Protein backbone atom coordinates (compact mmCIF):
# COMPACT_ATOMS: atom_id res chain seq x y z
CA UNK A 1 26.63 62.78 2.15
CA UNK A 2 23.99 64.87 3.86
CA UNK A 3 21.44 63.64 6.37
CA UNK A 4 18.15 65.45 5.99
CA UNK A 5 18.01 66.27 9.69
CA UNK A 6 16.73 69.82 9.28
CA UNK A 7 19.96 71.56 10.23
CA UNK A 8 17.91 74.37 11.69
CA UNK A 9 18.94 77.79 12.87
CA UNK A 10 17.68 79.62 15.93
CA UNK A 11 18.47 81.67 19.00
CA UNK A 12 19.55 80.42 22.38
CA UNK A 13 17.84 83.43 23.92
CA UNK A 14 14.45 82.63 22.48
CA UNK A 15 14.53 79.00 23.51
CA UNK A 16 14.55 79.91 27.20
CA UNK A 17 10.91 81.00 27.11
CA UNK A 18 9.42 77.55 26.71
CA UNK A 19 12.27 75.40 27.98
CA UNK A 20 10.34 74.45 31.12
CA UNK A 21 7.48 73.04 29.07
CA UNK A 22 9.86 71.26 26.71
CA UNK A 23 11.62 69.63 29.63
CA UNK A 24 8.50 68.48 31.41
CA UNK A 25 7.03 67.04 28.22
CA UNK A 26 9.88 64.57 28.14
CA UNK A 27 9.41 63.80 31.81
CA UNK A 28 5.70 63.06 31.95
CA UNK A 29 6.01 60.10 34.21
CA UNK A 30 4.19 57.03 33.12
CA UNK A 31 5.06 54.01 35.21
CA UNK A 32 8.26 52.39 34.04
CA UNK A 33 7.84 49.35 31.86
CA UNK A 34 10.65 47.58 33.71
CA UNK A 35 9.29 44.64 35.68
CA UNK A 36 10.39 44.89 39.31
CA UNK A 37 12.16 42.04 41.12
CA UNK A 38 12.49 39.99 37.94
CA UNK A 39 15.74 39.24 36.14
CA UNK A 40 15.36 40.42 32.56
CA UNK A 41 17.55 40.54 29.48
CA UNK A 42 16.87 44.25 29.04
CA UNK A 43 15.45 47.39 30.61
CA UNK A 44 12.87 49.83 29.28
CA UNK A 45 11.87 53.27 30.51
CA UNK A 46 8.38 52.88 29.01
CA UNK A 47 6.30 49.83 28.14
CA UNK A 48 7.48 46.37 27.20
CA UNK A 49 10.68 45.46 25.44
CA UNK A 50 10.47 45.03 21.68
CA UNK A 51 12.96 42.15 21.60
CA UNK A 52 12.37 38.97 23.58
CA UNK A 53 14.96 37.09 25.64
CA UNK A 54 15.78 34.78 22.72
CA UNK A 55 16.26 37.47 20.05
CA UNK A 56 19.15 36.79 17.68
CA UNK A 57 19.91 40.28 16.38
CA UNK A 58 18.41 43.75 16.07
CA UNK A 59 16.00 44.17 13.16
CA UNK A 60 17.98 47.02 11.59
CA UNK A 61 21.19 45.03 11.04
CA UNK A 62 22.18 42.47 8.43
CA UNK A 63 23.39 39.52 10.53
CA UNK A 64 25.22 38.14 7.49
CA UNK A 65 26.98 41.37 6.56
CA UNK A 66 30.51 40.70 5.31
CA UNK A 67 33.41 41.79 7.46
CA UNK A 68 36.28 43.80 6.02
CA UNK A 69 37.07 47.07 4.31
CA UNK A 70 37.97 50.48 5.61
CA UNK A 71 35.88 53.56 6.36
CA UNK A 72 37.61 56.93 6.55
CA UNK A 73 35.52 59.93 7.56
CA UNK A 74 35.61 63.16 9.52
CA UNK A 75 33.13 61.86 12.08
CA UNK A 76 29.79 63.23 13.29
CA UNK A 77 31.43 65.65 15.73
CA UNK A 78 33.58 67.09 12.92
CA UNK A 79 36.16 68.36 15.39
CA UNK A 80 39.27 70.10 14.12
CA UNK A 81 41.91 68.52 16.34
CA UNK A 82 42.59 66.22 19.28
CA UNK A 83 45.29 65.95 21.91
CA UNK A 84 44.04 63.17 24.18
CA UNK A 85 42.65 59.65 24.29
CA UNK A 86 40.92 60.32 27.60
CA UNK A 87 37.29 61.27 26.83
CA UNK A 88 36.21 61.05 30.46
CA UNK A 89 37.68 64.28 31.84
CA UNK A 90 37.29 68.00 31.25
CA UNK A 91 40.89 68.63 30.27
CA UNK A 92 42.05 68.28 26.69
CA UNK A 93 40.36 67.71 23.34
CA UNK A 94 39.49 64.02 23.15
CA UNK A 95 39.67 62.14 19.86
CA UNK A 96 36.50 60.93 18.19
CA UNK A 97 35.50 57.27 18.13
CA UNK A 98 36.83 56.33 21.56
CA UNK A 99 33.50 54.73 22.44
CA UNK A 100 34.56 51.90 20.10
CA UNK A 101 37.11 50.85 22.73
CA UNK A 102 34.70 50.32 25.62
CA UNK A 103 31.80 48.04 26.51
CA UNK A 104 28.95 48.79 28.90
CA UNK A 105 26.63 46.60 30.94
CA UNK A 106 23.89 47.11 28.37
CA UNK A 107 23.50 48.85 25.01
CA UNK A 108 20.71 50.91 23.48
CA UNK A 109 18.64 49.62 20.58
CA UNK A 110 18.56 52.18 17.76
CA UNK A 111 14.97 51.31 16.86
CA UNK A 112 13.80 51.41 20.49
CA UNK A 113 15.42 54.45 22.10
CA UNK A 114 13.92 53.92 25.56
CA UNK A 115 15.37 50.41 25.93
CA UNK A 116 18.72 48.73 26.60
CA UNK A 117 19.77 45.10 26.17
CA UNK A 118 22.47 43.03 27.83
CA UNK A 119 26.09 43.22 26.72
CA UNK A 120 28.47 42.71 29.66
CA UNK A 121 25.37 42.14 31.79
CA UNK A 122 23.36 39.02 31.03
CA UNK A 123 20.35 40.17 33.08
CA UNK A 124 19.15 43.08 35.19
CA UNK A 125 16.80 42.94 38.17
CA UNK A 126 15.02 46.06 39.40
CA UNK A 127 14.12 46.18 43.11
CA UNK A 128 10.38 46.32 44.00
CA UNK A 129 10.78 49.91 45.26
CA UNK A 130 12.84 50.74 42.14
CA UNK A 131 15.61 52.18 44.31
CA UNK A 132 18.23 49.74 43.12
CA UNK A 133 19.08 47.59 40.13
CA UNK A 134 21.24 44.46 40.17
CA UNK A 135 23.13 43.18 37.13
CA UNK A 136 24.31 39.62 36.59
CA UNK A 137 27.44 39.87 34.46
CA UNK A 138 28.80 37.47 31.87
CA UNK A 139 31.88 35.69 33.29
CA UNK A 140 33.38 35.46 29.80
CA UNK A 141 33.68 39.27 29.52
CA UNK A 142 37.30 40.41 29.30
CA UNK A 143 39.46 43.35 28.38
CA UNK A 144 41.59 43.41 25.25
CA UNK A 145 44.68 42.30 27.22
CA UNK A 146 42.85 39.12 28.25
CA UNK A 147 42.21 40.17 31.86
CA UNK A 148 38.69 39.43 33.20
CA UNK A 149 36.08 42.18 33.41
CA UNK A 150 34.46 41.93 36.85
CA UNK A 151 32.06 43.71 39.16
CA UNK A 152 35.03 45.45 40.78
CA UNK A 153 35.73 47.16 37.45
CA UNK A 154 32.13 48.39 37.26
CA UNK A 155 32.27 49.78 40.81
CA UNK A 156 35.63 51.42 40.10
CA UNK A 157 34.22 52.99 36.94
CA UNK A 158 31.21 54.49 38.72
CA UNK A 159 33.22 55.87 41.63
CA UNK A 160 35.95 57.26 39.38
CA UNK A 161 33.65 58.93 36.87
CA UNK A 162 31.55 60.50 39.63
CA UNK A 163 34.49 61.85 41.63
CA UNK A 164 37.23 62.45 39.05
CA UNK A 165 35.48 62.45 35.68
CA UNK A 166 34.07 65.23 33.53
CA UNK A 167 31.69 67.40 35.59
CA UNK A 168 28.71 66.20 33.57
CA UNK A 169 29.14 62.74 35.13
CA UNK A 170 28.64 64.24 38.59
CA UNK A 171 25.40 65.83 37.41
CA UNK A 172 24.24 62.72 35.56
CA UNK A 173 24.99 60.42 38.51
CA UNK A 174 23.98 62.71 41.37
CA UNK A 175 21.07 60.44 42.41
CA UNK A 176 23.11 57.23 42.16
CA UNK A 177 24.16 56.72 45.79
CA UNK A 178 26.63 53.87 45.35
CA UNK A 179 27.65 50.79 43.41
CA UNK A 180 28.27 47.49 45.22
CA UNK A 181 30.09 44.36 44.05
CA UNK A 182 27.96 41.49 45.36
CA UNK A 183 30.25 38.92 43.81
CA UNK A 184 32.81 38.64 41.00
CA UNK A 185 30.06 38.93 38.39
CA UNK A 186 27.21 40.66 40.23
CA UNK A 187 26.90 44.40 40.82
CA UNK A 188 24.17 46.56 42.35
CA UNK A 189 23.47 50.28 41.96
CA UNK A 190 21.48 52.11 44.66
CA UNK A 191 19.41 55.22 43.86
CA UNK A 192 17.83 58.14 45.70
CA UNK A 193 15.34 60.88 44.83
CA UNK A 194 12.04 60.77 42.99
CA UNK A 195 12.99 60.62 39.31
CA UNK A 196 13.94 56.94 39.22
CA UNK A 197 12.75 56.13 35.71
CA UNK A 198 16.00 56.79 33.84
CA UNK A 199 18.64 55.90 36.41
CA UNK A 200 18.78 52.13 35.66
CA UNK A 201 19.37 52.87 31.98
CA UNK A 202 21.92 55.54 32.84
CA UNK A 203 24.15 53.23 34.88
CA UNK A 204 23.61 50.37 32.42
CA UNK A 205 25.19 52.39 29.60
CA UNK A 206 28.26 53.74 31.40
CA UNK A 207 31.55 52.71 29.72
CA UNK A 208 33.46 50.17 31.83
CA UNK A 209 37.07 50.93 32.75
CA UNK A 210 39.74 48.53 34.01
CA UNK A 211 40.54 49.03 37.70
CA UNK A 212 43.90 47.28 37.32
CA UNK A 213 44.89 49.43 34.34
CA UNK A 214 44.32 52.69 36.20
CA UNK A 215 46.09 51.43 39.31
CA UNK A 216 49.33 52.44 37.59
CA UNK A 217 48.03 55.50 35.68
CA UNK A 218 46.56 58.87 36.60
CA UNK A 219 42.94 58.84 35.48
CA UNK A 220 42.45 62.61 35.55
CA UNK A 221 45.28 63.45 33.12
CA UNK A 222 45.28 63.83 29.36
CA UNK A 223 47.21 61.15 27.53
CA UNK A 224 47.95 59.84 24.07
CA UNK A 225 48.50 56.32 25.33
CA UNK A 226 45.71 54.21 23.78
CA UNK A 227 43.57 53.12 26.76
CA UNK A 228 42.72 49.55 27.68
CA UNK A 229 39.13 48.64 26.91
CA UNK A 230 36.95 45.63 26.26
CA UNK A 231 35.21 46.87 23.11
CA UNK A 232 35.20 45.75 19.47
CA UNK A 233 38.08 47.96 18.28
CA UNK A 234 41.56 49.07 19.33
CA UNK A 235 43.64 52.05 18.26
CA UNK A 236 46.16 50.81 15.70
CA UNK A 237 47.63 54.06 14.43
CA UNK A 238 47.32 57.80 14.97
CA UNK A 239 48.94 61.17 14.36
CA UNK A 240 48.02 63.82 16.90
CA UNK A 241 45.56 66.31 15.44
CA UNK A 242 45.57 64.56 12.05
CA UNK A 243 43.96 61.11 12.20
CA UNK A 244 43.14 58.12 14.39
CA UNK A 245 42.73 54.58 13.03
CA UNK A 246 40.69 51.95 14.87
CA UNK A 247 41.20 48.28 13.96
CA UNK A 248 38.53 45.63 14.54
CA UNK A 249 39.52 43.04 17.12
CA UNK A 250 39.23 39.46 15.90
CA UNK A 251 39.42 38.28 19.52
CA UNK A 252 36.58 40.53 20.75
CA UNK A 253 34.84 38.49 23.42
CA UNK A 254 31.29 39.72 22.60
CA UNK A 255 31.33 39.64 18.80
CA UNK A 256 28.71 36.87 18.60
CA UNK A 257 26.24 38.22 21.17
CA UNK A 258 22.79 39.15 19.80
CA UNK A 259 23.34 42.86 20.53
CA UNK A 260 26.49 42.84 18.36
CA UNK A 261 25.55 40.49 15.54
CA UNK A 262 25.63 42.35 12.22
CA UNK A 263 27.50 45.31 13.72
CA UNK A 264 31.13 46.45 13.68
CA UNK A 265 31.72 45.21 10.15
CA UNK A 266 34.58 47.46 9.01
CA UNK A 267 38.07 46.11 9.63
CA UNK A 268 39.30 49.69 10.00
CA UNK A 269 37.58 52.94 10.90
CA UNK A 270 39.64 56.08 10.46
CA UNK A 271 38.74 59.54 11.77
CA UNK A 272 40.29 62.40 9.81
CA UNK A 273 40.93 65.92 11.16
CA UNK A 274 41.28 69.12 9.14
CA UNK A 275 42.00 72.72 10.07
CA UNK A 276 38.57 73.83 8.81
CA UNK A 277 35.59 72.57 6.83
CA UNK A 278 36.86 74.04 3.57
CA UNK A 279 40.05 71.99 3.78
CA UNK A 280 37.97 68.94 4.66
CA UNK A 281 35.74 69.43 1.61
CA UNK A 282 38.69 69.78 -0.74
CA UNK A 283 40.21 66.60 0.70
CA UNK A 284 36.96 64.73 0.00
CA UNK A 285 37.09 65.87 -3.62
CA UNK A 286 40.66 64.56 -3.79
CA UNK A 287 39.54 61.16 -2.48
CA UNK A 288 41.36 61.43 0.85
CA UNK A 289 38.44 59.98 2.79
CA UNK A 290 35.09 58.28 2.17
CA UNK A 291 32.22 59.91 4.05
CA UNK A 292 31.20 63.46 4.89
CA UNK A 293 28.02 64.80 6.44
CA UNK A 294 27.41 68.23 4.95
CA UNK A 295 26.45 70.89 7.50
CA UNK A 296 26.93 74.01 5.38
CA UNK A 297 24.05 75.09 3.15
CA UNK A 298 26.32 77.10 0.84
CA UNK A 299 28.56 74.09 0.22
CA UNK A 300 25.60 71.77 -0.33
CA UNK A 301 24.13 74.21 -2.87
CA UNK A 302 27.30 75.24 -4.71
CA UNK A 303 30.29 72.97 -4.06
CA UNK A 304 29.22 69.65 -5.56
CA UNK A 305 28.81 70.54 -9.23
CA UNK A 306 32.09 68.78 -9.90
CA UNK A 307 33.36 65.95 -12.13
CA UNK A 308 33.65 63.56 -9.18
CA UNK A 309 29.88 63.78 -8.64
CA UNK A 310 29.01 63.62 -12.32
CA UNK A 311 31.05 60.46 -12.93
CA UNK A 312 29.85 58.76 -9.74
CA UNK A 313 33.04 58.85 -7.70
CA UNK A 314 31.16 60.93 -5.13
CA UNK A 315 27.52 60.07 -4.44
CA UNK A 316 25.19 62.65 -2.91
CA UNK A 317 22.41 61.32 -0.70
CA UNK A 318 19.64 63.02 1.23
CA UNK A 319 18.43 60.59 3.88
CA UNK A 320 15.33 60.84 6.09
CA UNK A 321 16.17 61.19 9.75
CA UNK A 322 13.49 60.83 12.40
CA UNK A 323 15.78 61.65 15.30
CA UNK A 324 15.55 65.07 17.00
CA UNK A 325 17.35 67.68 14.93
CA UNK A 326 18.00 69.78 17.99
CA UNK A 327 18.81 73.47 17.99
CA UNK A 328 21.53 75.37 16.18
CA UNK A 329 21.93 79.02 16.91
CA UNK A 330 23.43 81.82 18.95
CA UNK A 331 23.89 80.93 22.61
CA UNK A 332 23.92 83.99 24.86
CA UNK A 333 25.94 83.70 28.05
CA UNK A 334 23.46 84.74 30.72
CA UNK A 335 26.23 84.70 33.31
CA UNK A 336 27.20 88.09 31.85
CA UNK A 337 25.36 90.95 33.54
CA UNK A 338 24.54 92.64 30.24
CA UNK A 339 22.33 89.68 29.28
CA UNK A 340 20.59 89.35 32.65
CA UNK A 341 17.60 91.43 31.56
CA UNK A 342 15.24 89.37 29.43
CA UNK A 343 14.40 92.46 27.36
CA UNK A 344 18.02 92.69 26.18
CA UNK A 345 17.96 89.07 25.03
CA UNK A 346 14.65 89.64 23.31
CA UNK A 347 16.02 92.74 21.55
CA UNK A 348 18.87 90.66 20.16
CA UNK A 349 16.29 88.20 18.87
CA UNK A 350 14.48 90.95 16.98
CA UNK A 351 17.73 92.20 15.46
CA UNK A 352 18.52 88.93 13.69
CA UNK A 353 16.90 88.66 10.25
CA UNK A 354 16.53 84.94 9.65
CA UNK A 355 14.41 85.36 6.51
CA UNK A 356 17.10 87.43 4.76
CA UNK A 357 19.86 85.13 6.00
CA UNK A 358 18.05 82.00 4.83
CA UNK A 359 17.32 83.41 1.38
CA UNK A 360 20.71 85.00 0.74
CA UNK A 361 23.17 82.82 2.65
CA UNK A 362 21.44 79.48 3.25
CA UNK A 363 19.88 79.11 -0.22
CA UNK A 364 16.44 78.80 1.45
CA UNK A 365 17.39 75.33 2.67
CA UNK A 366 16.71 75.94 6.35
CA UNK A 367 13.63 76.16 8.52
CA UNK A 368 13.64 78.32 11.65
CA UNK A 369 14.30 76.58 14.94
CA UNK A 370 11.69 77.17 17.64
CA UNK A 371 12.55 74.37 20.06
CA UNK A 372 15.44 72.35 21.42
CA UNK A 373 13.34 69.32 20.43
CA UNK A 374 12.75 70.01 16.73
CA UNK A 375 11.76 67.03 14.59
CA UNK A 376 10.48 65.07 17.59
CA UNK A 377 7.32 64.52 19.59
CA UNK A 378 8.96 66.34 22.49
CA UNK A 379 8.58 69.71 20.76
CA UNK A 380 5.95 71.88 22.45
CA UNK A 381 2.92 72.41 20.19
CA UNK A 382 -0.19 74.38 21.04
CA UNK A 383 -1.04 75.47 24.54
CA UNK A 384 0.04 73.24 27.45
CA UNK A 385 -2.04 70.09 27.77
CA UNK A 386 -3.97 69.33 30.99
CA UNK A 387 -1.16 67.00 32.03
CA UNK A 388 1.43 69.72 31.44
CA UNK A 389 -0.67 72.28 33.28
CA UNK A 390 -0.90 69.98 36.29
CA UNK A 391 2.89 70.14 36.51
CA UNK A 392 3.16 73.85 35.71
CA UNK A 393 0.44 75.34 37.91
CA UNK A 394 2.37 75.10 41.21
CA UNK A 395 5.02 77.32 39.62
CA UNK A 396 2.78 79.81 37.78
CA UNK A 397 4.04 82.81 39.74
CA UNK A 398 7.66 81.91 38.87
CA UNK A 399 7.16 81.49 35.13
CA UNK A 400 6.74 83.92 32.22
CA UNK A 401 3.11 84.14 31.03
CA UNK A 402 4.22 82.83 27.63
CA UNK A 403 4.76 79.36 29.10
CA UNK A 404 0.99 79.04 29.56
CA UNK A 405 0.18 80.27 26.06
CA UNK A 406 1.16 79.20 22.56
CA UNK A 407 4.78 78.03 22.05
CA UNK A 408 7.44 80.59 21.35
CA UNK A 409 7.67 81.72 17.71
CA UNK A 410 10.71 83.76 16.60
CA UNK A 411 10.08 87.15 14.96
CA UNK A 412 9.44 87.03 11.22
CA UNK A 413 11.02 89.81 9.17
CA UNK A 414 10.20 91.29 5.79
CA UNK A 415 13.36 89.68 4.42
CA UNK A 416 15.10 92.98 3.73
CA UNK A 417 17.97 92.29 6.09
CA UNK A 418 17.15 95.31 8.24
CA UNK A 419 13.42 95.23 8.97
CA UNK A 420 12.70 98.67 10.44
CA UNK A 421 9.65 97.44 12.33
CA UNK A 422 11.62 94.76 14.14
CA UNK A 423 14.59 97.06 14.76
CA UNK A 424 12.27 99.68 16.29
CA UNK A 425 10.92 97.00 18.62
CA UNK A 426 14.48 96.00 19.52
CA UNK A 427 15.42 99.62 20.25
CA UNK A 428 12.39 100.06 22.49
CA UNK A 429 13.24 96.92 24.45
CA UNK A 430 16.81 98.11 24.98
CA UNK A 431 15.59 101.47 26.25
CA UNK A 432 13.17 99.77 28.64
CA UNK A 433 16.08 97.69 29.94
CA UNK A 434 18.04 100.85 30.73
CA UNK A 435 20.28 101.02 27.66
CA UNK A 436 19.88 104.55 26.31
CA UNK A 437 21.15 105.71 22.93
CA UNK A 438 23.71 108.47 23.39
CA UNK A 439 25.22 109.58 20.14
CA UNK A 440 25.65 106.31 18.31
CA UNK A 441 26.22 104.10 21.37
CA UNK A 442 24.00 102.20 23.79
CA UNK A 443 25.01 103.01 27.36
CA UNK A 444 23.57 102.18 30.78
CA UNK A 445 23.14 104.48 33.76
CA UNK A 446 26.80 103.95 34.67
CA UNK A 447 27.94 105.08 31.24
CA UNK A 448 29.02 101.57 30.22
CA UNK A 449 28.75 100.77 26.51
CA UNK A 450 26.78 97.68 25.49
CA UNK A 451 29.49 95.59 23.83
CA UNK A 452 29.01 92.07 22.46
CA UNK A 453 31.70 89.67 21.25
CA UNK A 454 30.89 86.76 18.92
CA UNK A 455 33.47 84.05 19.61
CA UNK A 456 34.33 81.77 16.64
CA UNK A 457 37.18 79.43 15.66
CA UNK A 458 36.72 79.20 11.89
CA UNK A 459 35.47 81.61 9.20
CA UNK A 460 32.44 79.57 8.07
CA UNK A 461 29.88 81.37 10.22
CA UNK A 462 31.37 84.85 9.96
CA UNK A 463 29.33 85.53 6.84
CA UNK A 464 26.19 84.83 8.89
CA UNK A 465 27.29 86.91 11.85
CA UNK A 466 28.41 89.95 9.81
CA UNK A 467 24.90 91.04 8.67
CA UNK A 468 23.65 90.48 12.21
CA UNK A 469 26.41 92.74 13.54
CA UNK A 470 25.36 95.40 11.04
CA UNK A 471 21.88 95.45 12.58
CA UNK A 472 23.27 95.45 16.11
CA UNK A 473 25.52 98.40 15.30
CA UNK A 474 22.51 100.27 13.91
CA UNK A 475 21.02 99.89 17.39
CA UNK A 476 24.14 101.39 18.97
CA UNK A 477 25.59 98.08 20.15
CA UNK A 478 29.36 97.63 19.89
CA UNK A 479 29.30 94.17 18.31
CA UNK A 480 32.28 92.40 16.78
CA UNK A 481 33.72 88.97 15.87
CA UNK A 482 36.65 87.44 17.74
CA UNK A 483 38.26 84.50 15.93
CA UNK A 484 40.60 82.32 17.98
CA UNK A 485 42.31 78.99 17.34
CA UNK A 486 40.30 75.81 18.06
CA UNK A 487 42.16 74.98 21.26
CA UNK A 488 41.58 78.44 22.72
CA UNK A 489 37.94 78.32 21.63
CA UNK A 490 37.42 75.03 23.49
CA UNK A 491 39.10 76.39 26.61
CA UNK A 492 37.01 79.55 26.63
CA UNK A 493 33.74 77.72 26.01
CA UNK A 494 34.45 75.19 28.77
CA UNK A 495 35.20 78.07 31.14
CA UNK A 496 32.11 80.02 29.94
CA UNK A 497 34.42 82.86 28.88
CA UNK A 498 32.32 84.24 26.03
CA UNK A 499 29.43 86.56 25.21
CA UNK A 500 27.86 84.70 22.28
CA UNK A 501 28.84 81.48 20.52
CA UNK A 502 27.27 79.46 17.73
CA UNK A 503 26.57 75.84 18.66
CA UNK A 504 24.24 72.96 17.87
CA UNK A 505 22.78 70.50 20.35
CA UNK A 506 20.57 67.48 19.72
CA UNK A 507 18.43 65.78 22.33
CA UNK A 508 17.56 62.12 22.77
CA UNK A 509 14.20 60.76 21.65
CA UNK A 510 13.52 59.95 25.30
CA UNK A 511 15.06 62.79 27.32
CA UNK A 512 16.24 61.86 30.79
CA UNK A 513 18.70 62.88 33.48
CA UNK A 514 21.06 64.36 30.89
CA UNK A 515 18.70 67.34 30.60
CA UNK A 516 20.16 68.63 33.86
CA UNK A 517 23.49 69.02 32.07
CA UNK A 518 21.86 71.26 29.45
CA UNK A 519 19.38 73.24 31.54
CA UNK A 520 20.08 72.68 35.26
CA UNK A 521 21.27 75.38 37.66
CA UNK A 522 24.11 73.21 38.91
CA UNK A 523 25.33 72.76 35.34
CA UNK A 524 25.25 76.53 34.82
CA UNK A 525 28.00 76.78 37.45
CA UNK A 526 29.87 73.61 36.41
CA UNK A 527 32.81 74.25 34.11
CA UNK A 528 32.58 72.19 30.94
CA UNK A 529 28.84 71.52 31.14
CA UNK A 530 26.54 71.84 28.13
CA UNK A 531 24.50 74.58 29.80
CA UNK A 532 26.18 77.12 27.54
CA UNK A 533 23.52 79.77 28.07
CA UNK A 534 23.82 79.59 31.85
CA UNK A 535 20.13 78.84 32.43
CA UNK A 536 19.39 78.94 36.18
CA UNK A 537 15.72 78.44 36.91
CA UNK A 538 14.35 76.67 40.00
CA UNK A 539 11.28 75.52 38.08
CA UNK A 540 13.39 73.78 35.45
CA UNK A 541 15.40 72.17 38.25
CA UNK A 542 12.23 70.96 39.96
CA UNK A 543 10.69 69.54 36.78
CA UNK A 544 13.89 67.76 35.78
């Protein structure tokens, strides 16, 4: 099964040029649609809520869908292994699907991405100055062991995630000053700063942990003990690094709430893990699991002309997807001194021949990525609008001129695989940056060779990197592939111990505070953050 989400290919280095404009476009601050000082059944970042207080179910569900059956799949993250059921900390490789174990105060509507509706919280009231939000909780909410879910659990969750959780929680919650239990079923969050639009929705969607459960357990440790939650599923079976099975809870306290009606229909959901995507594909052909999202163009083009497809045992679908496709590409670690000069990064951009790669390796199925916000209205198009310019002008002297011109467009080659025109441009940029060609090597004034390591954990992308390395070597760059096991790869990426990696990130339809985790200076220095490229720009920080 393949979602037509434009699995695009691009360069982390090129994206940096217009990232400031992309960020601000998502942050153009219209007044929040949340009514202040009024208890409401939901919250919205923009405009009015689609669903009224008496809605019975979301429009995109079948409220009468039958319950039962089993879904086995490799999951959207398609990770290779897991060694922990604690998804809230930096350590370990957490299993997929753990969000099925936990409830939150409110949940997002899939057809209204800027809005959340009450789950554990019955109502939310935003203060007139928008510097706090108060939630009235449902007294019937309870954890799977039957213990009540109270405001104390919500406060504990906030304080624990912010102080002991994964570093991205500290960044996400930096402007949430405190959480207060006003009663057994009433909790208030207090905010600071100027960007208050997204904070109520951020705290409303935090998973809720049991304070009593963690009173006898270390929160900041990896564990394979299934955690206590209040959500619709529980872990019924697992084998470390192989599979995890989630079983639907018949006694789930919130199964009949409007936000859940028509959802969580499978009795069992199983996440499968394989050593690589080739093994996963062969297991699908053998009927070992039910659902696979195909990410590899070569496999989509060549691997499904098989009897299982012809006789209908495997069905191929291409589905429209209006969510942001994000950016897939090479992420350059700008923490490394050799990438600090923008001309070096630009030279690497010119050395990659996307046109040849797409035609010869991707079966012409891909379109070039030019934005982190591909396939969404957040993608920068044309020159900055008057509203964007109003935000950009105070920082003109700190920004590249390109930000005020047309959006960044990657170089287009002649499709030969080694476009001499583009390689000459790359060589000139390297020389301007102080990397002279001596013999067949690029060296700086200190005699250091320009060496670049591509870090990978499986062979799939090596066929894409190899032609790129050929071009880099022709420029005198000592480029090579380093393949490590998945666990070592995760450790090195979390510690930013790499030169170049291949990754894919997708953004929300309504970008918010999470952008700081991708592009903020603090995230660049925070181990485990998603700021893989190490972007540190005061303008981006100010706009976010």
